[in-house]
PDB file of N, CA and C in Angstrom:
ATOM      1  N   UNK A   1      17.690  18.052  -0.469  1.00  0.00           N
ATOM      2  CA  UNK A   1      18.894  17.766  -1.196  1.00  0.00           C
ATOM      3  C   UNK A   1      19.809  16.952  -0.291  1.00  0.00           C
ATOM      4  N   UNK A   2      20.328  15.894  -0.844  1.00  0.00           N
ATOM      5  CA  UNK A   2      21.202  15.018  -0.066  1.00  0.00           C
ATOM      6  C   UNK A   2      22.647  15.153  -0.535  1.00  0.00           C
ATOM      7  N   UNK A   3      23.535  15.156   0.435  1.00  0.00           N
ATOM      8  CA  UNK A   3      24.965  15.251   0.151  1.00  0.00           C
ATOM      9  C   UNK A   3      25.628  14.010   0.722  1.00  0.00           C
ATOM     10  N   UNK A   4      26.418  13.365  -0.108  1.00  0.00           N
ATOM     11  CA  UNK A   4      27.079  12.126   0.278  1.00  0.00           C
ATOM     12  C   UNK A   4      28.593  12.325   0.313  1.00  0.00           C
ATOM     13  N   UNK A   5      29.270  11.477   1.072  1.00  0.00           N
ATOM     14  CA  UNK A   5      30.717  11.564   1.221  1.00  0.00           C
ATOM     15  C   UNK A   5      31.446  11.183  -0.068  1.00  0.00           C
ATOM     16  N   UNK A   6      30.809  10.325  -0.880  1.00  0.00           N
ATOM     17  CA  UNK A   6      31.458   9.901  -2.120  1.00  0.00           C
ATOM     18  C   UNK A   6      30.440   9.799  -3.246  1.00  0.00           C
ATOM     19  N   UNK A   7      30.929   9.602  -4.456  1.00  0.00           N
ATOM     20  CA  UNK A   7      30.058   9.543  -5.629  1.00  0.00           C
ATOM     21  C   UNK A   7      29.177   8.299  -5.648  1.00  0.00           C
ATOM     22  N   UNK A   8      29.544   7.260  -4.927  1.00  0.00           N
ATOM     23  CA  UNK A   8      28.756   6.034  -4.880  1.00  0.00           C
ATOM     24  C   UNK A   8      27.571   6.132  -3.912  1.00  0.00           C
ATOM     25  N   UNK A   9      27.446   7.267  -3.236  1.00  0.00           N
ATOM     26  CA  UNK A   9      26.360   7.522  -2.282  1.00  0.00           C
ATOM     27  C   UNK A   9      26.323   6.483  -1.166  1.00  0.00           C
ATOM     28  N   UNK A  10      27.504   6.145  -0.656  1.00  0.00           N
ATOM     29  CA  UNK A  10      27.597   5.161   0.425  1.00  0.00           C
ATOM     30  C   UNK A  10      27.325   5.769   1.795  1.00  0.00           C
ATOM     31  N   UNK A  11      27.753   7.009   2.005  1.00  0.00           N
ATOM     32  CA  UNK A  11      27.603   7.616   3.334  1.00  0.00           C
ATOM     33  C   UNK A  11      26.941   8.986   3.228  1.00  0.00           C
ATOM     34  N   UNK A  12      25.744   9.095   3.787  1.00  0.00           N
ATOM     35  CA  UNK A  12      25.011  10.354   3.815  1.00  0.00           C
ATOM     36  C   UNK A  12      25.680  11.288   4.816  1.00  0.00           C
ATOM     37  N   UNK A  13      26.032  12.491   4.374  1.00  0.00           N
ATOM     38  CA  UNK A  13      26.700  13.427   5.279  1.00  0.00           C
ATOM     39  C   UNK A  13      25.827  14.638   5.623  1.00  0.00           C
ATOM     40  N   UNK A  14      24.879  14.994   4.739  1.00  0.00           N
ATOM     41  CA  UNK A  14      24.027  16.150   5.007  1.00  0.00           C
ATOM     42  C   UNK A  14      22.727  16.043   4.224  1.00  0.00           C
ATOM     43  N   UNK A  15      21.668  16.641   4.790  1.00  0.00           N
ATOM     44  CA  UNK A  15      20.385  16.771   4.108  1.00  0.00           C
ATOM     45  C   UNK A  15      19.961  18.219   4.277  1.00  0.00           C
ATOM     46  N   UNK A  16      19.637  18.865   3.163  1.00  0.00           N
ATOM     47  CA  UNK A  16      19.232  20.270   3.175  1.00  0.00           C
ATOM     48  C   UNK A  16      17.831  20.368   2.603  1.00  0.00           C
ATOM     49  N   UNK A  17      16.937  21.066   3.304  1.00  0.00           N
ATOM     50  CA  UNK A  17      15.564  21.246   2.846  1.00  0.00           C
ATOM     51  C   UNK A  17      15.583  22.022   1.527  1.00  0.00           C
ATOM     52  N   UNK A  18      14.955  21.464   0.511  1.00  0.00           N
ATOM     53  CA  UNK A  18      14.912  22.122  -0.792  1.00  0.00           C
ATOM     54  C   UNK A  18      14.083  23.408  -0.768  1.00  0.00           C
ATOM     55  N   UNK A  19      13.175  23.560   0.204  1.00  0.00           N
ATOM     56  CA  UNK A  19      12.319  24.740   0.260  1.00  0.00           C
ATOM     57  C   UNK A  19      12.990  25.904   0.992  1.00  0.00           C
ATOM     58  N   UNK A  20      13.463  25.669   2.228  1.00  0.00           N
ATOM     59  CA  UNK A  20      13.978  26.777   3.056  1.00  0.00           C
ATOM     60  C   UNK A  20      15.485  26.742   3.265  1.00  0.00           C
ATOM     61  N   UNK A  21      16.151  25.711   2.790  1.00  0.00           N
ATOM     62  CA  UNK A  21      17.599  25.519   2.895  1.00  0.00           C
ATOM     63  C   UNK A  21      18.085  25.182   4.308  1.00  0.00           C
ATOM     64  N   UNK A  22      17.176  24.800   5.186  1.00  0.00           N
ATOM     65  CA  UNK A  22      17.585  24.390   6.532  1.00  0.00           C
ATOM     66  C   UNK A  22      18.384  23.098   6.428  1.00  0.00           C
ATOM     67  N   UNK A  23      19.504  23.029   7.151  1.00  0.00           N
ATOM     68  CA  UNK A  23      20.280  21.789   7.187  1.00  0.00           C
ATOM     69  C   UNK A  23      19.759  20.919   8.319  1.00  0.00           C
ATOM     70  N   UNK A  24      19.330  19.723   7.958  1.00  0.00           N
ATOM     71  CA  UNK A  24      18.787  18.803   8.943  1.00  0.00           C
ATOM     72  C   UNK A  24      19.915  18.049   9.636  1.00  0.00           C
ATOM     73  N   UNK A  25      19.638  17.582  10.851  1.00  0.00           N
ATOM     74  CA  UNK A  25      20.650  16.867  11.629  1.00  0.00           C
ATOM     75  C   UNK A  25      20.872  15.478  11.046  1.00  0.00           C
ATOM     76  N   UNK A  26      22.125  15.171  10.748  1.00  0.00           N
ATOM     77  CA  UNK A  26      22.521  13.850  10.259  1.00  0.00           C
ATOM     78  C   UNK A  26      23.677  13.380  11.123  1.00  0.00           C
ATOM     79  N   UNK A  27      23.544  12.166  11.663  1.00  0.00           N
ATOM     80  CA  UNK A  27      24.611  11.605  12.492  1.00  0.00           C
ATOM     81  C   UNK A  27      24.886  10.181  12.022  1.00  0.00           C
ATOM     82  N   UNK A  28      26.122   9.919  11.676  1.00  0.00           N
ATOM     83  CA  UNK A  28      26.544   8.599  11.194  1.00  0.00           C
ATOM     84  C   UNK A  28      25.653   8.100  10.052  1.00  0.00           C
ATOM     85  N   UNK A  29      25.292   9.020   9.145  1.00  0.00           N
ATOM     86  CA  UNK A  29      24.516   8.655   7.969  1.00  0.00           C
ATOM     87  C   UNK A  29      23.028   8.509   8.189  1.00  0.00           C
ATOM     88  N   UNK A  30      22.538   8.867   9.402  1.00  0.00           N
ATOM     89  CA  UNK A  30      21.116   8.731   9.722  1.00  0.00           C
ATOM     90  C   UNK A  30      20.521  10.114   9.988  1.00  0.00           C
ATOM     91  N   UNK A  31      19.382  10.408   9.343  1.00  0.00           N
ATOM     92  CA  UNK A  31      18.691  11.682   9.552  1.00  0.00           C
ATOM     93  C   UNK A  31      18.044  11.637  10.929  1.00  0.00           C
ATOM     94  N   UNK A  32      18.359  12.629  11.761  1.00  0.00           N
ATOM     95  CA  UNK A  32      17.915  12.627  13.156  1.00  0.00           C
ATOM     96  C   UNK A  32      16.773  13.603  13.446  1.00  0.00           C
ATOM     97  N   UNK A  33      16.008  13.980  12.426  1.00  0.00           N
ATOM     98  CA  UNK A  33      14.819  14.804  12.635  1.00  0.00           C
ATOM     99  C   UNK A  33      13.850  14.570  11.494  1.00  0.00           C
ATOM    100  N   UNK A  34      12.638  15.103  11.626  1.00  0.00           N
ATOM    101  CA  UNK A  34      11.609  14.875  10.628  1.00  0.00           C
ATOM    102  C   UNK A  34      12.016  15.360   9.247  1.00  0.00           C
ATOM    103  N   UNK A  35      11.834  14.504   8.252  1.00  0.00           N
ATOM    104  CA  UNK A  35      12.203  14.833   6.879  1.00  0.00           C
ATOM    105  C   UNK A  35      11.248  14.127   5.927  1.00  0.00           C
ATOM    106  N   UNK A  36      10.669  14.882   4.991  1.00  0.00           N
ATOM    107  CA  UNK A  36       9.853  14.288   3.939  1.00  0.00           C
ATOM    108  C   UNK A  36      10.738  14.136   2.714  1.00  0.00           C
ATOM    109  N   UNK A  37      10.813  12.920   2.207  1.00  0.00           N
ATOM    110  CA  UNK A  37      11.640  12.628   1.039  1.00  0.00           C
ATOM    111  C   UNK A  37      10.712  12.374  -0.141  1.00  0.00           C
ATOM    112  N   UNK A  38      10.734  13.253  -1.110  1.00  0.00           N
ATOM    113  CA  UNK A  38       9.924  13.085  -2.314  1.00  0.00           C
ATOM    114  C   UNK A  38      10.785  12.528  -3.437  1.00  0.00           C
ATOM    115  N   UNK A  39      10.254  11.539  -4.142  1.00  0.00           N
ATOM    116  CA  UNK A  39      10.985  10.927  -5.260  1.00  0.00           C
ATOM    117  C   UNK A  39       9.965  10.418  -6.277  1.00  0.00           C
ATOM    118  N   UNK A  40       9.987  10.970  -7.466  1.00  0.00           N
ATOM    119  CA  UNK A  40       9.015  10.591  -8.491  1.00  0.00           C
ATOM    120  C   UNK A  40       9.718  10.388  -9.831  1.00  0.00           C
ATOM    121  N   UNK A  41       9.358   9.317 -10.497  1.00  0.00           N
ATOM    122  CA  UNK A  41       9.830   9.058 -11.856  1.00  0.00           C
ATOM    123  C   UNK A  41       8.624   9.220 -12.769  1.00  0.00           C
ATOM    124  N   UNK A  42       8.674  10.201 -13.633  1.00  0.00           N
ATOM    125  CA  UNK A  42       7.567  10.468 -14.536  1.00  0.00           C
ATOM    126  C   UNK A  42       7.636   9.527 -15.725  1.00  0.00           C
ATOM    127  N   UNK A  43       6.483   9.036 -16.103  1.00  0.00           N
ATOM    128  CA  UNK A  43       6.423   8.092 -17.210  1.00  0.00           C
ATOM    129  C   UNK A  43       5.533   8.603 -18.322  1.00  0.00           C
ATOM    130  N   UNK A  44       4.970   7.670 -19.044  1.00  0.00           N
ATOM    131  CA  UNK A  44       4.090   8.001 -20.156  1.00  0.00           C
ATOM    132  C   UNK A  44       2.936   8.883 -19.699  1.00  0.00           C
ATOM    133  N   UNK A  45       2.414   9.664 -20.618  1.00  0.00           N
ATOM    134  CA  UNK A  45       1.268  10.543 -20.398  1.00  0.00           C
ATOM    135  C   UNK A  45       1.597  11.717 -19.472  1.00  0.00           C
ATOM    136  N   UNK A  46       2.860  12.005 -19.290  1.00  0.00           N
ATOM    137  CA  UNK A  46       3.288  13.131 -18.475  1.00  0.00           C
ATOM    138  C   UNK A  46       4.083  14.099 -19.348  1.00  0.00           C
ATOM    139  N   UNK A  47       4.021  15.366 -19.019  1.00  0.00           N
ATOM    140  CA  UNK A  47       4.852  16.353 -19.735  1.00  0.00           C
ATOM    141  C   UNK A  47       6.320  16.215 -19.333  1.00  0.00           C
ATOM    142  N   UNK A  48       6.590  15.422 -18.292  1.00  0.00           N
ATOM    143  CA  UNK A  48       7.961  15.221 -17.810  1.00  0.00           C
ATOM    144  C   UNK A  48       8.428  13.795 -18.088  1.00  0.00           C
ATOM    145  N   UNK A  49       7.887  13.176 -19.113  1.00  0.00           N
ATOM    146  CA  UNK A  49       8.172  11.787 -19.475  1.00  0.00           C
ATOM    147  C   UNK A  49       9.682  11.516 -19.467  1.00  0.00           C
ATOM    148  N   UNK A  50      10.093  10.500 -18.713  1.00  0.00           N
ATOM    149  CA  UNK A  50      11.500  10.115 -18.661  1.00  0.00           C
ATOM    150  C   UNK A  50      12.331  10.917 -17.682  1.00  0.00           C
ATOM    151  N   UNK A  51      11.701  11.724 -16.863  1.00  0.00           N
ATOM    152  CA  UNK A  51      12.419  12.574 -15.910  1.00  0.00           C
ATOM    153  C   UNK A  51      12.184  12.078 -14.489  1.00  0.00           C
ATOM    154  N   UNK A  52      13.198  12.197 -13.650  1.00  0.00           N
ATOM    155  CA  UNK A  52      13.069  11.846 -12.229  1.00  0.00           C
ATOM    156  C   UNK A  52      13.306  13.097 -11.393  1.00  0.00           C
ATOM    157  N   UNK A  53      12.432  13.352 -10.445  1.00  0.00           N
ATOM    158  CA  UNK A  53      12.578  14.474  -9.523  1.00  0.00           C
ATOM    159  C   UNK A  53      12.694  13.914  -8.110  1.00  0.00           C
ATOM    160  N   UNK A  54      13.610  14.446  -7.332  1.00  0.00           N
ATOM    161  CA  UNK A  54      13.713  14.065  -5.921  1.00  0.00           C
ATOM    162  C   UNK A  54      14.019  15.313  -5.099  1.00  0.00           C
ATOM    163  N   UNK A  55      13.478  15.340  -3.882  1.00  0.00           N
ATOM    164  CA  UNK A  55      13.693  16.487  -3.003  1.00  0.00           C
ATOM    165  C   UNK A  55      13.438  16.082  -1.561  1.00  0.00           C
ATOM    166  N   UNK A  56      13.906  16.914  -0.653  1.00  0.00           N
ATOM    167  CA  UNK A  56      13.712  16.709   0.783  1.00  0.00           C
ATOM    168  C   UNK A  56      13.119  17.974   1.378  1.00  0.00           C
ATOM    169  N   UNK A  57      12.174  17.800   2.303  1.00  0.00           N
ATOM    170  CA  UNK A  57      11.582  18.922   3.013  1.00  0.00           C
ATOM    171  C   UNK A  57      11.727  18.708   4.513  1.00  0.00           C
ATOM    172  N   UNK A  58      12.078  19.779   5.229  1.00  0.00           N
ATOM    173  CA  UNK A  58      12.078  19.701   6.690  1.00  0.00           C
ATOM    174  C   UNK A  58      10.626  19.597   7.144  1.00  0.00           C
ATOM    175  N   UNK A  59      10.415  19.253   8.380  1.00  0.00           N
ATOM    176  CA  UNK A  59       9.059  19.044   8.886  1.00  0.00           C
ATOM    177  C   UNK A  59       8.218  20.315   8.806  1.00  0.00           C
ATOM    178  N   UNK A  60       8.821  21.471   9.048  1.00  0.00           N
ATOM    179  CA  UNK A  60       8.082  22.733   8.993  1.00  0.00           C
ATOM    180  C   UNK A  60       7.596  23.030   7.581  1.00  0.00           C
ATOM    181  N   UNK A  61       8.448  22.812   6.577  1.00  0.00           N
ATOM    182  CA  UNK A  61       8.044  23.055   5.188  1.00  0.00           C
ATOM    183  C   UNK A  61       7.017  22.029   4.727  1.00  0.00           C
ATOM    184  N   UNK A  62       7.131  20.804   5.199  1.00  0.00           N
ATOM    185  CA  UNK A  62       6.124  19.790   4.890  1.00  0.00           C
ATOM    186  C   UNK A  62       4.763  20.214   5.431  1.00  0.00           C
ATOM    187  N   UNK A  63       4.744  20.706   6.680  1.00  0.00           N
ATOM    188  CA  UNK A  63       3.487  21.146   7.292  1.00  0.00           C
ATOM    189  C   UNK A  63       2.855  22.290   6.492  1.00  0.00           C
ATOM    190  N   UNK A  64       3.687  23.232   6.021  1.00  0.00           N
ATOM    191  CA  UNK A  64       3.173  24.344   5.210  1.00  0.00           C
ATOM    192  C   UNK A  64       2.607  23.823   3.889  1.00  0.00           C
ATOM    193  N   UNK A  65       3.255  22.857   3.282  1.00  0.00           N
ATOM    194  CA  UNK A  65       2.805  22.297   2.009  1.00  0.00           C
ATOM    195  C   UNK A  65       1.443  21.638   2.155  1.00  0.00           C
ATOM    196  N   UNK A  66       1.297  20.758   3.125  1.00  0.00           N
ATOM    197  CA  UNK A  66       0.043  20.012   3.250  1.00  0.00           C
ATOM    198  C   UNK A  66      -1.104  20.873   3.770  1.00  0.00           C
ATOM    199  N   UNK A  67      -0.776  21.968   4.416  1.00  0.00           N
ATOM    200  CA  UNK A  67      -1.818  22.877   4.909  1.00  0.00           C
ATOM    201  C   UNK A  67      -2.646  23.435   3.751  1.00  0.00           C
ATOM    202  N   UNK A  68      -2.038  23.553   2.580  1.00  0.00           N
ATOM    203  CA  UNK A  68      -2.725  24.094   1.417  1.00  0.00           C
ATOM    204  C   UNK A  68      -3.476  23.064   0.591  1.00  0.00           C
ATOM    205  N   UNK A  69      -3.484  21.808   0.985  1.00  0.00           N
ATOM    206  CA  UNK A  69      -4.168  20.761   0.233  1.00  0.00           C
ATOM    207  C   UNK A  69      -5.686  20.937   0.322  1.00  0.00           C
ATOM    208  N   UNK A  70      -6.376  20.743  -0.783  1.00  0.00           N
ATOM    209  CA  UNK A  70      -7.843  20.783  -0.794  1.00  0.00           C
ATOM    210  C   UNK A  70      -8.411  19.554  -0.099  1.00  0.00           C
ATOM    211  N   UNK A  71      -7.718  18.436  -0.231  1.00  0.00           N
ATOM    212  CA  UNK A  71      -8.101  17.199   0.458  1.00  0.00           C
ATOM    213  C   UNK A  71      -6.987  16.890   1.451  1.00  0.00           C
ATOM    214  N   UNK A  72      -7.302  16.818   2.736  1.00  0.00           N
ATOM    215  CA  UNK A  72      -6.245  16.588   3.741  1.00  0.00           C
ATOM    216  C   UNK A  72      -5.527  15.249   3.529  1.00  0.00           C
ATOM    217  N   UNK A  73      -4.284  15.192   3.993  1.00  0.00           N
ATOM    218  CA  UNK A  73      -3.538  13.939   3.934  1.00  0.00           C
ATOM    219  C   UNK A  73      -4.199  12.928   4.863  1.00  0.00           C
ATOM    220  N   UNK A  74      -4.042  11.665   4.546  1.00  0.00           N
ATOM    221  CA  UNK A  74      -4.548  10.614   5.422  1.00  0.00           C
ATOM    222  C   UNK A  74      -3.525  10.384   6.524  1.00  0.00           C
ATOM    223  N   UNK A  75      -3.983  10.384   7.752  1.00  0.00           N
ATOM    224  CA  UNK A  75      -3.096  10.183   8.897  1.00  0.00           C
ATOM    225  C   UNK A  75      -3.536   8.953   9.668  1.00  0.00           C
ATOM    226  N   UNK A  76      -2.560   8.223  10.186  1.00  0.00           N
ATOM    227  CA  UNK A  76      -2.849   7.123  11.097  1.00  0.00           C
ATOM    228  C   UNK A  76      -1.691   7.021  12.077  1.00  0.00           C
ATOM    229  N   UNK A  77      -1.993   6.588  13.270  1.00  0.00           N
ATOM    230  CA  UNK A  77      -0.975   6.451  14.292  1.00  0.00           C
ATOM    231  C   UNK A  77      -0.219   5.143  14.095  1.00  0.00           C
ATOM    232  N   UNK A  78       1.096   5.202  14.224  1.00  0.00           N
ATOM    233  CA  UNK A  78       1.921   4.001  14.126  1.00  0.00           C
ATOM    234  C   UNK A  78       2.630   3.794  15.455  1.00  0.00           C
ATOM    235  N   UNK A  79       2.874   2.535  15.782  1.00  0.00           N
ATOM    236  CA  UNK A  79       3.529   2.228  17.048  1.00  0.00           C
ATOM    237  C   UNK A  79       4.922   1.673  16.863  1.00  0.00           C
ATOM    238  N   UNK A  80       5.255   1.264  15.640  1.00  0.00           N
ATOM    239  CA  UNK A  80       6.600   0.755  15.359  1.00  0.00           C
ATOM    240  C   UNK A  80       7.287   1.690  14.382  1.00  0.00           C
ATOM    241  N   UNK A  81       8.503   2.054  14.704  1.00  0.00           N
ATOM    242  CA  UNK A  81       9.272   2.954  13.858  1.00  0.00           C
ATOM    243  C   UNK A  81      10.429   2.190  13.231  1.00  0.00           C
ATOM    244  N   UNK A  82      10.687   2.486  11.986  1.00  0.00           N
ATOM    245  CA  UNK A  82      11.795   1.804  11.282  1.00  0.00           C
ATOM    246  C   UNK A  82      13.059   2.604  11.462  1.00  0.00           C
TER     247      UNK A  82
END
């Protein structure tokens, strides 16, 4: 869950894990620790047609989520960070 300073969402002030409610470190509008940001817009052929879901997970909750996958996530090493 993201909290902004104003309704226009110009300045990010806080990020809270939707699973465990941990508040992640945010400094000057930048998330300063691992965070998985989920955002999906459901379309045709879905029971959630026309609905958008978004959520944030701390790194620990993300690790717990993917641990239960029947097919592991694809991982690759990156050398440049955005």
